[in-house]
Amino acid sequence: MEGVAAVSTEKTKDIDYVEVCAEDELWDGEMDAFDVGDHEILLVHFGQQYFAYDGLCPHQSVALVDGELTEDGLIICGAHQWQFRADNGKGVNPANECLQAFPVKVENGRVYVGTEPE
């Protein structure tokens, strides 16, 4: 499922945040894609925390949401099985790659993602 982020934007410390979903819409162990500003964002709920990354695999720009989030916290690209850690975006296979991270905050039961990478 791919969503378009809500129109509500908020600026914090020179970072614009866009509301993408309610906390209870994405269960722990799930991920979904959202359009945030000019970016397709992969929002990952893992270990009771939220992480946001560029939603396209750095290998061949395949949508990561079409891949898998494993129980032990690996995001696996569905095209060529590239693997990244859900908690920090660092590459596992290959180890020299990483996902571009975006800031995330949760307030009043809503999840917000920054419009620019960290």
PDB file of N, CA and C in Angstrom:
ATOM      1  N   MET A   1       0.852  -1.158   0.000  1.00  0.00           N
ATOM      2  CA  MET A   1       0.000   0.000   0.000  1.00  0.00           C
ATOM      3  C   MET A   1       0.902   1.226   0.000  1.00  0.00           C
ATOM      4  N   GLU A   2       0.637   2.164  -0.881  1.00  0.00           N
ATOM      5  CA  GLU A   2       1.401   3.399  -0.918  1.00  0.00           C
ATOM      6  C   GLU A   2       0.457   4.537  -0.634  1.00  0.00           C
ATOM      7  N   GLY A   3       0.873   5.414   0.252  1.00  0.00           N
ATOM      8  CA  GLY A   3       0.025   6.531   0.631  1.00  0.00           C
ATOM      9  C   GLY A   3       0.639   7.842   0.227  1.00  0.00           C
ATOM     10  N   VAL A   4      -0.180   8.817   0.095  1.00  0.00           N
ATOM     11  CA  VAL A   4       0.269  10.182  -0.102  1.00  0.00           C
ATOM     12  C   VAL A   4       0.133  10.868   1.238  1.00  0.00           C
ATOM     13  N   ALA A   5       1.200  11.501   1.670  1.00  0.00           N
ATOM     14  CA  ALA A   5       1.207  12.116   2.988  1.00  0.00           C
ATOM     15  C   ALA A   5       0.161  13.218   3.074  1.00  0.00           C
ATOM     16  N   ALA A   6      -0.367  13.379   4.272  1.00  0.00           N
ATOM     17  CA  ALA A   6      -1.366  14.416   4.510  1.00  0.00           C
ATOM     18  C   ALA A   6      -0.784  15.794   4.225  1.00  0.00           C
ATOM     19  N   VAL A   7      -1.624  16.743   3.997  1.00  0.00           N
ATOM     20  CA  VAL A   7      -1.214  18.093   3.636  1.00  0.00           C
ATOM     21  C   VAL A   7      -0.601  18.836   4.815  1.00  0.00           C
ATOM     22  N   SER A   8      -0.891  18.417   6.016  1.00  0.00           N
ATOM     23  CA  SER A   8      -0.415  19.087   7.215  1.00  0.00           C
ATOM     24  C   SER A   8       1.110  19.082   7.276  1.00  0.00           C
ATOM     25  N   THR A   9       1.718  20.258   7.318  1.00  0.00           N
ATOM     26  CA  THR A   9       3.163  20.352   7.465  1.00  0.00           C
ATOM     27  C   THR A   9       3.476  21.184   8.694  1.00  0.00           C
ATOM     28  N   GLU A  10       4.619  20.929   9.273  1.00  0.00           N
ATOM     29  CA  GLU A  10       5.045  21.626  10.469  1.00  0.00           C
ATOM     30  C   GLU A  10       6.550  21.834  10.364  1.00  0.00           C
ATOM     31  N   LYS A  11       7.040  22.959  10.837  1.00  0.00           N
ATOM     32  CA  LYS A  11       8.467  23.247  10.774  1.00  0.00           C
ATOM     33  C   LYS A  11       9.049  23.166  12.183  1.00  0.00           C
ATOM     34  N   THR A  12      10.116  22.370  12.334  1.00  0.00           N
ATOM     35  CA  THR A  12      10.794  22.232  13.604  1.00  0.00           C
ATOM     36  C   THR A  12      12.289  22.318  13.350  1.00  0.00           C
ATOM     37  N   LYS A  13      12.964  23.266  14.016  1.00  0.00           N
ATOM     38  CA  LYS A  13      14.410  23.419  13.891  1.00  0.00           C
ATOM     39  C   LYS A  13      14.832  23.449  12.419  1.00  0.00           C
ATOM     40  N   ASP A  14      14.165  24.265  11.617  1.00  0.00           N
ATOM     41  CA  ASP A  14      14.461  24.414  10.191  1.00  0.00           C
ATOM     42  C   ASP A  14      14.225  23.153   9.378  1.00  0.00           C
ATOM     43  N   ILE A  15      13.467  22.230   9.917  1.00  0.00           N
ATOM     44  CA  ILE A  15      13.092  21.022   9.180  1.00  0.00           C
ATOM     45  C   ILE A  15      11.586  21.034   9.018  1.00  0.00           C
ATOM     46  N   ASP A  16      11.121  20.886   7.789  1.00  0.00           N
ATOM     47  CA  ASP A  16       9.686  20.744   7.544  1.00  0.00           C
ATOM     48  C   ASP A  16       9.308  19.287   7.716  1.00  0.00           C
ATOM     49  N   TYR A  17       8.268  19.037   8.498  1.00  0.00           N
ATOM     50  CA  TYR A  17       7.755  17.687   8.706  1.00  0.00           C
ATOM     51  C   TYR A  17       6.366  17.585   8.091  1.00  0.00           C
ATOM     52  N   VAL A  18       6.083  16.411   7.537  1.00  0.00           N
ATOM     53  CA  VAL A  18       4.784  16.124   6.943  1.00  0.00           C
ATOM     54  C   VAL A  18       4.171  14.936   7.681  1.00  0.00           C
ATOM     55  N   GLU A  19       2.914  15.067   8.046  1.00  0.00           N
ATOM     56  CA  GLU A  19       2.200  13.962   8.692  1.00  0.00           C
ATOM     57  C   GLU A  19       1.967  12.872   7.658  1.00  0.00           C
ATOM     58  N   VAL A  20       2.359  11.634   7.999  1.00  0.00           N
ATOM     59  CA  VAL A  20       2.184  10.535   7.050  1.00  0.00           C
ATOM     60  C   VAL A  20       1.134   9.521   7.478  1.00  0.00           C
ATOM     61  N   CYS A  21       0.965   9.307   8.792  1.00  0.00           N
ATOM     62  CA  CYS A  21      -0.034   8.331   9.228  1.00  0.00           C
ATOM     63  C   CYS A  21      -0.224   8.429  10.737  1.00  0.00           C
ATOM     64  N   ALA A  22      -1.223   7.725  11.219  1.00  0.00           N
ATOM     65  CA  ALA A  22      -1.409   7.566  12.661  1.00  0.00           C
ATOM     66  C   ALA A  22      -0.513   6.433  13.143  1.00  0.00           C
ATOM     67  N   GLU A  23      -0.096   6.507  14.393  1.00  0.00           N
ATOM     68  CA  GLU A  23       0.767   5.461  14.948  1.00  0.00           C
ATOM     69  C   GLU A  23       0.180   4.065  14.793  1.00  0.00           C
ATOM     70  N   ASP A  24      -1.124   3.942  14.990  1.00  0.00           N
ATOM     71  CA  ASP A  24      -1.745   2.614  14.949  1.00  0.00           C
ATOM     72  C   ASP A  24      -2.007   2.103  13.533  1.00  0.00           C
ATOM     73  N   GLU A  25      -1.655   2.865  12.516  1.00  0.00           N
ATOM     74  CA  GLU A  25      -1.837   2.410  11.137  1.00  0.00           C
ATOM     75  C   GLU A  25      -0.699   1.515  10.660  1.00  0.00           C
ATOM     76  N   LEU A  26       0.434   1.574  11.333  1.00  0.00           N
ATOM     77  CA  LEU A  26       1.591   0.768  10.937  1.00  0.00           C
ATOM     78  C   LEU A  26       2.069   0.003  12.171  1.00  0.00           C
ATOM     79  N   TRP A  27       1.839  -1.295  12.154  1.00  0.00           N
ATOM     80  CA  TRP A  27       2.178  -2.122  13.310  1.00  0.00           C
ATOM     81  C   TRP A  27       3.672  -2.386  13.362  1.00  0.00           C
ATOM     82  N   ASP A  28       4.156  -2.705  14.553  1.00  0.00           N
ATOM     83  CA  ASP A  28       5.563  -3.070  14.703  1.00  0.00           C
ATOM     84  C   ASP A  28       5.861  -4.258  13.790  1.00  0.00           C
ATOM     85  N   GLY A  29       6.919  -4.136  12.978  1.00  0.00           N
ATOM     86  CA  GLY A  29       7.267  -5.189  12.026  1.00  0.00           C
ATOM     87  C   GLY A  29       6.717  -4.939  10.635  1.00  0.00           C
ATOM     88  N   GLU A  30       6.107  -3.770  10.415  1.00  0.00           N
ATOM     89  CA  GLU A  30       5.557  -3.433   9.097  1.00  0.00           C
ATOM     90  C   GLU A  30       6.279  -2.233   8.510  1.00  0.00           C
ATOM     91  N   MET A  31       6.153  -2.078   7.201  1.00  0.00           N
ATOM     92  CA  MET A  31       6.679  -0.911   6.501  1.00  0.00           C
ATOM     93  C   MET A  31       5.698  -0.521   5.404  1.00  0.00           C
ATOM     94  N   ASP A  32       5.738   0.758   5.030  1.00  0.00           N
ATOM     95  CA  ASP A  32       4.855   1.271   3.982  1.00  0.00           C
ATOM     96  C   ASP A  32       5.557   2.440   3.313  1.00  0.00           C
ATOM     97  N   ALA A  33       5.088   2.804   2.136  1.00  0.00           N
ATOM     98  CA  ALA A  33       5.683   3.902   1.374  1.00  0.00           C
ATOM     99  C   ALA A  33       4.743   5.106   1.368  1.00  0.00           C
ATOM    100  N   PHE A  34       5.354   6.288   1.416  1.00  0.00           N
ATOM    101  CA  PHE A  34       4.604   7.541   1.398  1.00  0.00           C
ATOM    102  C   PHE A  34       5.361   8.559   0.551  1.00  0.00           C
ATOM    103  N   ASP A  35       4.621   9.402  -0.130  1.00  0.00           N
ATOM    104  CA  ASP A  35       5.216  10.530  -0.833  1.00  0.00           C
ATOM    105  C   ASP A  35       5.337  11.675   0.156  1.00  0.00           C
ATOM    106  N   VAL A  36       6.567  12.142   0.376  1.00  0.00           N
ATOM    107  CA  VAL A  36       6.832  13.236   1.295  1.00  0.00           C
ATOM    108  C   VAL A  36       7.661  14.264   0.535  1.00  0.00           C
ATOM    109  N   GLY A  37       7.066  15.406   0.270  1.00  0.00           N
ATOM    110  CA  GLY A  37       7.764  16.399  -0.548  1.00  0.00           C
ATOM    111  C   GLY A  37       8.067  15.807  -1.902  1.00  0.00           C
ATOM    112  N   ASP A  38       9.324  15.857  -2.293  1.00  0.00           N
ATOM    113  CA  ASP A  38       9.751  15.313  -3.587  1.00  0.00           C
ATOM    114  C   ASP A  38      10.290  13.894  -3.477  1.00  0.00           C
ATOM    115  N   HIS A  39      10.083  13.243  -2.347  1.00  0.00           N
ATOM    116  CA  HIS A  39      10.700  11.944  -2.094  1.00  0.00           C
ATOM    117  C   HIS A  39       9.651  10.857  -1.867  1.00  0.00           C
ATOM    118  N   GLU A  40       9.965   9.650  -2.351  1.00  0.00           N
ATOM    119  CA  GLU A  40       9.204   8.463  -1.960  1.00  0.00           C
ATOM    120  C   GLU A  40       9.912   7.915  -0.738  1.00  0.00           C
ATOM    121  N   ILE A  41       9.193   7.870   0.377  1.00  0.00           N
ATOM    122  CA  ILE A  41       9.776   7.482   1.662  1.00  0.00           C
ATOM    123  C   ILE A  41       9.280   6.106   2.072  1.00  0.00           C
ATOM    124  N   LEU A  42      10.212   5.287   2.569  1.00  0.00           N
ATOM    125  CA  LEU A  42       9.865   4.017   3.186  1.00  0.00           C
ATOM    126  C   LEU A  42       9.823   4.252   4.687  1.00  0.00           C
ATOM    127  N   LEU A  43       8.655   4.106   5.274  1.00  0.00           N
ATOM    128  CA  LEU A  43       8.499   4.232   6.725  1.00  0.00           C
ATOM    129  C   LEU A  43       8.480   2.834   7.315  1.00  0.00           C
ATOM    130  N   VAL A  44       9.376   2.599   8.261  1.00  0.00           N
ATOM    131  CA  VAL A  44       9.543   1.286   8.878  1.00  0.00           C
ATOM    132  C   VAL A  44       9.213   1.406  10.359  1.00  0.00           C
ATOM    133  N   HIS A  45       8.369   0.507  10.845  1.00  0.00           N
ATOM    134  CA  HIS A  45       8.073   0.429  12.281  1.00  0.00           C
ATOM    135  C   HIS A  45       8.725  -0.858  12.767  1.00  0.00           C
ATOM    136  N   PHE A  46       9.809  -0.695  13.514  1.00  0.00           N
ATOM    137  CA  PHE A  46      10.569  -1.867  13.963  1.00  0.00           C
ATOM    138  C   PHE A  46      11.103  -1.614  15.368  1.00  0.00           C
ATOM    139  N   GLY A  47      10.965  -2.596  16.242  1.00  0.00           N
ATOM    140  CA  GLY A  47      11.456  -2.463  17.607  1.00  0.00           C
ATOM    141  C   GLY A  47      10.786  -1.330  18.348  1.00  0.00           C
ATOM    142  N   GLN A  48       9.511  -1.106  18.052  1.00  0.00           N
ATOM    143  CA  GLN A  48       8.692  -0.058  18.658  1.00  0.00           C
ATOM    144  C   GLN A  48       9.233   1.341  18.376  1.00  0.00           C
ATOM    145  N   GLN A  49       9.994   1.487  17.275  1.00  0.00           N
ATOM    146  CA  GLN A  49      10.472   2.784  16.821  1.00  0.00           C
ATOM    147  C   GLN A  49      10.141   2.928  15.333  1.00  0.00           C
ATOM    148  N   TYR A  50      10.134   4.169  14.875  1.00  0.00           N
ATOM    149  CA  TYR A  50       9.889   4.457  13.464  1.00  0.00           C
ATOM    150  C   TYR A  50      11.170   4.953  12.813  1.00  0.00           C
ATOM    151  N   PHE A  51      11.415   4.494  11.594  1.00  0.00           N
ATOM    152  CA  PHE A  51      12.568   4.899  10.810  1.00  0.00           C
ATOM    153  C   PHE A  51      12.073   5.236   9.411  1.00  0.00           C
ATOM    154  N   ALA A  52      12.666   6.247   8.802  1.00  0.00           N
ATOM    155  CA  ALA A  52      12.275   6.637   7.448  1.00  0.00           C
ATOM    156  C   ALA A  52      13.516   6.700   6.570  1.00  0.00           C
ATOM    157  N   TYR A  53      13.378   6.117   5.378  1.00  0.00           N
ATOM    158  CA  TYR A  53      14.486   6.047   4.429  1.00  0.00           C
ATOM    159  C   TYR A  53      13.976   6.383   3.034  1.00  0.00           C
ATOM    160  N   ASP A  54      14.927   6.732   2.169  1.00  0.00           N
ATOM    161  CA  ASP A  54      14.589   6.849   0.756  1.00  0.00           C
ATOM    162  C   ASP A  54      13.953   5.522   0.363  1.00  0.00           C
ATOM    163  N   GLY A  55      12.816   5.582  -0.292  1.00  0.00           N
ATOM    164  CA  GLY A  55      12.046   4.378  -0.580  1.00  0.00           C
ATOM    165  C   GLY A  55      12.538   3.560  -1.750  1.00  0.00           C
ATOM    166  N   LEU A  56      13.616   4.014  -2.413  1.00  0.00           N
ATOM    167  CA  LEU A  56      14.138   3.296  -3.571  1.00  0.00           C
ATOM    168  C   LEU A  56      15.479   2.662  -3.244  1.00  0.00           C
ATOM    169  N   CYS A  57      15.652   1.418  -3.637  1.00  0.00           N
ATOM    170  CA  CYS A  57      16.905   0.711  -3.415  1.00  0.00           C
ATOM    171  C   CYS A  57      18.017   1.415  -4.200  1.00  0.00           C
ATOM    172  N   PRO A  58      19.187   1.630  -3.583  1.00  0.00           N
ATOM    173  CA  PRO A  58      20.271   2.302  -4.292  1.00  0.00           C
ATOM    174  C   PRO A  58      20.843   1.489  -5.454  1.00  0.00           C
ATOM    175  N   HIS A  59      20.510   0.224  -5.533  1.00  0.00           N
ATOM    176  CA  HIS A  59      21.039  -0.622  -6.599  1.00  0.00           C
ATOM    177  C   HIS A  59      20.439  -0.279  -7.950  1.00  0.00           C
ATOM    178  N   GLN A  60      19.109  -0.405  -8.072  1.00  0.00           N
ATOM    179  CA  GLN A  60      18.460  -0.142  -9.364  1.00  0.00           C
ATOM    180  C   GLN A  60      17.143   0.614  -9.198  1.00  0.00           C
ATOM    181  N   SER A  61      17.028   1.364  -8.122  1.00  0.00           N
ATOM    182  CA  SER A  61      15.860   2.218  -7.867  1.00  0.00           C
ATOM    183  C   SER A  61      14.537   1.470  -7.845  1.00  0.00           C
ATOM    184  N   VAL A  62      14.561   0.260  -7.321  1.00  0.00           N
ATOM    185  CA  VAL A  62      13.342  -0.531  -7.140  1.00  0.00           C
ATOM    186  C   VAL A  62      12.703  -0.121  -5.814  1.00  0.00           C
ATOM    187  N   ALA A  63      11.387  -0.039  -5.778  1.00  0.00           N
ATOM    188  CA  ALA A  63      10.675   0.345  -4.550  1.00  0.00           C
ATOM    189  C   ALA A  63      10.897  -0.697  -3.457  1.00  0.00           C
ATOM    190  N   LEU A  64      11.463  -0.251  -2.338  1.00  0.00           N
ATOM    191  CA  LEU A  64      11.753  -1.164  -1.228  1.00  0.00           C
ATOM    192  C   LEU A  64      10.497  -1.682  -0.548  1.00  0.00           C
ATOM    193  N   VAL A  65       9.399  -0.951  -0.657  1.00  0.00           N
ATOM    194  CA  VAL A  65       8.150  -1.393  -0.037  1.00  0.00           C
ATOM    195  C   VAL A  65       7.674  -2.721  -0.638  1.00  0.00           C
ATOM    196  N   ASP A  66       8.122  -3.024  -1.843  1.00  0.00           N
ATOM    197  CA  ASP A  66       7.760  -4.292  -2.481  1.00  0.00           C
ATOM    198  C   ASP A  66       8.623  -5.449  -2.006  1.00  0.00           C
ATOM    199  N   GLY A  67       9.573  -5.151  -1.121  1.00  0.00           N
ATOM    200  CA  GLY A  67      10.434  -6.187  -0.573  1.00  0.00           C
ATOM    201  C   GLY A  67       9.886  -6.738   0.723  1.00  0.00           C
ATOM    202  N   GLU A  68      10.793  -7.013   1.653  1.00  0.00           N
ATOM    203  CA  GLU A  68      10.413  -7.686   2.900  1.00  0.00           C
ATOM    204  C   GLU A  68      11.107  -7.024   4.084  1.00  0.00           C
ATOM    205  N   LEU A  69      10.415  -7.006   5.214  1.00  0.00           N
ATOM    206  CA  LEU A  69      11.012  -6.631   6.491  1.00  0.00           C
ATOM    207  C   LEU A  69      11.008  -7.892   7.346  1.00  0.00           C
ATOM    208  N   THR A  70      12.204  -8.395   7.659  1.00  0.00           N
ATOM    209  CA  THR A  70      12.291  -9.650   8.396  1.00  0.00           C
ATOM    210  C   THR A  70      12.084  -9.422   9.896  1.00  0.00           C
ATOM    211  N   GLU A  71      11.832 -10.508  10.625  1.00  0.00           N
ATOM    212  CA  GLU A  71      11.623 -10.437  12.070  1.00  0.00           C
ATOM    213  C   GLU A  71      12.859  -9.925  12.798  1.00  0.00           C
ATOM    214  N   ASP A  72      14.045 -10.168  12.228  1.00  0.00           N
ATOM    215  CA  ASP A  72      15.266  -9.710  12.879  1.00  0.00           C
ATOM    216  C   ASP A  72      15.731  -8.349  12.365  1.00  0.00           C
ATOM    217  N   GLY A  73      14.862  -7.646  11.630  1.00  0.00           N
ATOM    218  CA  GLY A  73      15.122  -6.256  11.292  1.00  0.00           C
ATOM    219  C   GLY A  73      15.917  -5.997  10.034  1.00  0.00           C
ATOM    220  N   LEU A  74      15.772  -6.829   9.041  1.00  0.00           N
ATOM    221  CA  LEU A  74      16.412  -6.575   7.759  1.00  0.00           C
ATOM    222  C   LEU A  74      15.360  -6.171   6.732  1.00  0.00           C
ATOM    223  N   ILE A  75      15.664  -5.101   6.006  1.00  0.00           N
ATOM    224  CA  ILE A  75      14.863  -4.709   4.850  1.00  0.00           C
ATOM    225  C   ILE A  75      15.523  -5.378   3.654  1.00  0.00           C
ATOM    226  N   ILE A  76      14.764  -6.193   2.945  1.00  0.00           N
ATOM    227  CA  ILE A  76      15.318  -6.919   1.803  1.00  0.00           C
ATOM    228  C   ILE A  76      14.619  -6.445   0.541  1.00  0.00           C
ATOM    229  N   CYS A  77      15.407  -5.948  -0.408  1.00  0.00           N
ATOM    230  CA  CYS A  77      14.864  -5.495  -1.687  1.00  0.00           C
ATOM    231  C   CYS A  77      14.319  -6.708  -2.448  1.00  0.00           C
ATOM    232  N   GLY A  78      13.131  -6.576  -2.988  1.00  0.00           N
ATOM    233  CA  GLY A  78      12.491  -7.671  -3.696  1.00  0.00           C
ATOM    234  C   GLY A  78      13.106  -7.987  -5.043  1.00  0.00           C
ATOM    235  N   ALA A  79      13.899  -7.074  -5.596  1.00  0.00           N
ATOM    236  CA  ALA A  79      14.458  -7.298  -6.932  1.00  0.00           C
ATOM    237  C   ALA A  79      15.710  -8.170  -6.908  1.00  0.00           C
ATOM    238  N   HIS A  80      16.708  -7.763  -6.135  1.00  0.00           N
ATOM    239  CA  HIS A  80      17.983  -8.475  -6.164  1.00  0.00           C
ATOM    240  C   HIS A  80      18.505  -8.832  -4.783  1.00  0.00           C
ATOM    241  N   GLN A  81      17.609  -8.789  -3.798  1.00  0.00           N
ATOM    242  CA  GLN A  81      17.898  -9.251  -2.431  1.00  0.00           C
ATOM    243  C   GLN A  81      18.953  -8.441  -1.691  1.00  0.00           C
ATOM    244  N   TRP A  82      19.172  -7.173  -2.076  1.00  0.00           N
ATOM    245  CA  TRP A  82      20.051  -6.328  -1.268  1.00  0.00           C
ATOM    246  C   TRP A  82      19.416  -6.177   0.103  1.00  0.00           C
ATOM    247  N   GLN A  83      20.242  -6.112   1.155  1.00  0.00           N
ATOM    248  CA  GLN A  83      19.745  -6.101   2.522  1.00  0.00           C
ATOM    249  C   GLN A  83      20.286  -4.902   3.298  1.00  0.00           C
ATOM    250  N   PHE A  84      19.397  -4.306   4.105  1.00  0.00           N
ATOM    251  CA  PHE A  84      19.739  -3.134   4.901  1.00  0.00           C
ATOM    252  C   PHE A  84      19.154  -3.307   6.298  1.00  0.00           C
ATOM    253  N   ARG A  85      19.848  -2.787   7.305  1.00  0.00           N
ATOM    254  CA  ARG A  85      19.337  -2.838   8.673  1.00  0.00           C
ATOM    255  C   ARG A  85      18.202  -1.839   8.825  1.00  0.00           C
ATOM    256  N   ALA A  86      17.106  -2.279   9.424  1.00  0.00           N
ATOM    257  CA  ALA A  86      15.936  -1.416   9.606  1.00  0.00           C
ATOM    258  C   ALA A  86      16.202  -0.306  10.610  1.00  0.00           C
ATOM    259  N   ASP A  87      17.091  -0.522  11.574  1.00  0.00           N
ATOM    260  CA  ASP A  87      17.297   0.454  12.642  1.00  0.00           C
ATOM    261  C   ASP A  87      18.266   1.582  12.295  1.00  0.00           C
ATOM    262  N   ASN A  88      19.034   1.439  11.191  1.00  0.00           N
ATOM    263  CA  ASN A  88      19.954   2.518  10.835  1.00  0.00           C
ATOM    264  C   ASN A  88      20.193   2.663   9.332  1.00  0.00           C
ATOM    265  N   GLY A  89      19.628   1.773   8.521  1.00  0.00           N
ATOM    266  CA  GLY A  89      19.753   1.861   7.071  1.00  0.00           C
ATOM    267  C   GLY A  89      21.066   1.367   6.508  1.00  0.00           C
ATOM    268  N   LYS A  90      21.965   0.894   7.357  1.00  0.00           N
ATOM    269  CA  LYS A  90      23.269   0.422   6.875  1.00  0.00           C
ATOM    270  C   LYS A  90      23.131  -0.877   6.106  1.00  0.00           C
ATOM    271  N   GLY A  91      23.958  -0.991   5.052  1.00  0.00           N
ATOM    272  CA  GLY A  91      23.933  -2.188   4.229  1.00  0.00           C
ATOM    273  C   GLY A  91      24.497  -3.398   4.941  1.00  0.00           C
ATOM    274  N   VAL A  92      23.865  -4.542   4.706  1.00  0.00           N
ATOM    275  CA  VAL A  92      24.351  -5.829   5.186  1.00  0.00           C
ATOM    276  C   VAL A  92      24.915  -6.594   3.994  1.00  0.00           C
ATOM    277  N   ASN A  93      24.195  -6.547   2.884  1.00  0.00           N
ATOM    278  CA  ASN A  93      24.613  -7.200   1.646  1.00  0.00           C
ATOM    279  C   ASN A  93      24.165  -6.329   0.477  1.00  0.00           C
ATOM    280  N   PRO A  94      25.026  -5.498  -0.069  1.00  0.00           N
ATOM    281  CA  PRO A  94      26.437  -5.291   0.240  1.00  0.00           C
ATOM    282  C   PRO A  94      26.629  -4.345   1.427  1.00  0.00           C
ATOM    283  N   ALA A  95      27.723  -4.555   2.142  1.00  0.00           N
ATOM    284  CA  ALA A  95      27.996  -3.793   3.360  1.00  0.00           C
ATOM    285  C   ALA A  95      28.400  -2.349   3.079  1.00  0.00           C
ATOM    286  N   ASN A  96      28.837  -2.036   1.873  1.00  0.00           N
ATOM    287  CA  ASN A  96      29.313  -0.683   1.580  1.00  0.00           C
ATOM    288  C   ASN A  96      28.204   0.267   1.122  1.00  0.00           C
ATOM    289  N   GLU A  97      26.969  -0.151   1.154  1.00  0.00           N
ATOM    290  CA  GLU A  97      25.829   0.694   0.770  1.00  0.00           C
ATOM    291  C   GLU A  97      25.005   1.024   2.005  1.00  0.00           C
ATOM    292  N   CYS A  98      24.245   2.118   1.918  1.00  0.00           N
ATOM    293  CA  CYS A  98      23.313   2.429   3.000  1.00  0.00           C
ATOM    294  C   CYS A  98      22.140   3.222   2.422  1.00  0.00           C
ATOM    295  N   LEU A  99      21.055   3.205   3.163  1.00  0.00           N
ATOM    296  CA  LEU A  99      19.866   3.945   2.764  1.00  0.00           C
ATOM    297  C   LEU A  99      19.940   5.362   3.306  1.00  0.00           C
ATOM    298  N   GLN A 100      19.460   6.299   2.523  1.00  0.00           N
ATOM    299  CA  GLN A 100      19.427   7.689   2.959  1.00  0.00           C
ATOM    300  C   GLN A 100      18.295   7.848   3.974  1.00  0.00           C
ATOM    301  N   ALA A 101      18.637   8.335   5.169  1.00  0.00           N
ATOM    302  CA  ALA A 101      17.671   8.447   6.265  1.00  0.00           C
ATOM    303  C   ALA A 101      16.994   9.816   6.264  1.00  0.00           C
ATOM    304  N   PHE A 102      15.741   9.822   6.711  1.00  0.00           N
ATOM    305  CA  PHE A 102      14.957  11.041   6.889  1.00  0.00           C
ATOM    306  C   PHE A 102      14.536  11.122   8.347  1.00  0.00           C
ATOM    307  N   PRO A 103      14.453  12.331   8.907  1.00  0.00           N
ATOM    308  CA  PRO A 103      14.040  12.452  10.307  1.00  0.00           C
ATOM    309  C   PRO A 103      12.579  12.060  10.503  1.00  0.00           C
ATOM    310  N   VAL A 104      12.304  11.467  11.657  1.00  0.00           N
ATOM    311  CA  VAL A 104      10.951  11.030  12.018  1.00  0.00           C
ATOM    312  C   VAL A 104      10.650  11.533  13.424  1.00  0.00           C
ATOM    313  N   LYS A 105       9.407  11.938  13.624  1.00  0.00           N
ATOM    314  CA  LYS A 105       8.964  12.249  14.981  1.00  0.00           C
ATOM    315  C   LYS A 105       7.529  11.763  15.136  1.00  0.00           C
ATOM    316  N   VAL A 106       7.182  11.440  16.378  1.00  0.00           N
ATOM    317  CA  VAL A 106       5.836  10.990  16.705  1.00  0.00           C
ATOM    318  C   VAL A 106       5.292  11.939  17.763  1.00  0.00           C
ATOM    319  N   GLU A 107       4.126  12.530  17.471  1.00  0.00           N
ATOM    320  CA  GLU A 107       3.481  13.438  18.407  1.00  0.00           C
ATOM    321  C   GLU A 107       1.984  13.219  18.396  1.00  0.00           C
ATOM    322  N   ASN A 108       1.417  13.120  19.568  1.00  0.00           N
ATOM    323  CA  ASN A 108      -0.036  12.982  19.709  1.00  0.00           C
ATOM    324  C   ASN A 108      -0.624  11.879  18.842  1.00  0.00           C
ATOM    325  N   GLY A 109       0.086  10.744  18.791  1.00  0.00           N
ATOM    326  CA  GLY A 109      -0.414   9.593  18.052  1.00  0.00           C
ATOM    327  C   GLY A 109      -0.266   9.682  16.546  1.00  0.00           C
ATOM    328  N   ARG A 110       0.460  10.679  16.048  1.00  0.00           N
ATOM    329  CA  ARG A 110       0.664  10.859  14.607  1.00  0.00           C
ATOM    330  C   ARG A 110       2.153  10.742  14.291  1.00  0.00           C
ATOM    331  N   VAL A 111       2.477  10.197  13.114  1.00  0.00           N
ATOM    332  CA  VAL A 111       3.861  10.030  12.674  1.00  0.00           C
ATOM    333  C   VAL A 111       4.156  11.073  11.602  1.00  0.00           C
ATOM    334  N   TYR A 112       5.270  11.784  11.786  1.00  0.00           N
ATOM    335  CA  TYR A 112       5.697  12.833  10.865  1.00  0.00           C
ATOM    336  C   TYR A 112       7.081  12.490  10.316  1.00  0.00           C
ATOM    337  N   VAL A 113       7.297  12.812   9.032  1.00  0.00           N
ATOM    338  CA  VAL A 113       8.597  12.582   8.396  1.00  0.00           C
ATOM    339  C   VAL A 113       9.089  13.905   7.826  1.00  0.00           C
ATOM    340  N   GLY A 114      10.384  14.162   8.007  1.00  0.00           N
ATOM    341  CA  GLY A 114      11.001  15.368   7.471  1.00  0.00           C
ATOM    342  C   GLY A 114      11.074  15.324   5.955  1.00  0.00           C
ATOM    343  N   THR A 115      10.956  16.477   5.340  1.00  0.00           N
ATOM    344  CA  THR A 115      10.921  16.551   3.875  1.00  0.00           C
ATOM    345  C   THR A 115      12.312  16.488   3.238  1.00  0.00           C
ATOM    346  N   GLU A 116      13.361  16.589   4.052  1.00  0.00           N
ATOM    347  CA  GLU A 116      14.727  16.513   3.540  1.00  0.00           C
ATOM    348  C   GLU A 116      15.512  15.478   4.336  1.00  0.00           C
ATOM    349  N   PRO A 117      16.482  14.809   3.697  1.00  0.00           N
ATOM    350  CA  PRO A 117      17.249  13.774   4.411  1.00  0.00           C
ATOM    351  C   PRO A 117      18.092  14.361   5.537  1.00  0.00           C
ATOM    352  N   GLU A 118      18.480  13.460   6.452  1.00  0.00           N
ATOM    353  CA  GLU A 118      19.323  13.873   7.582  1.00  0.00           C
ATOM    354  C   GLU A 118      20.739  14.106   7.111  1.00  0.00           C
TER     355      GLU A 118
END
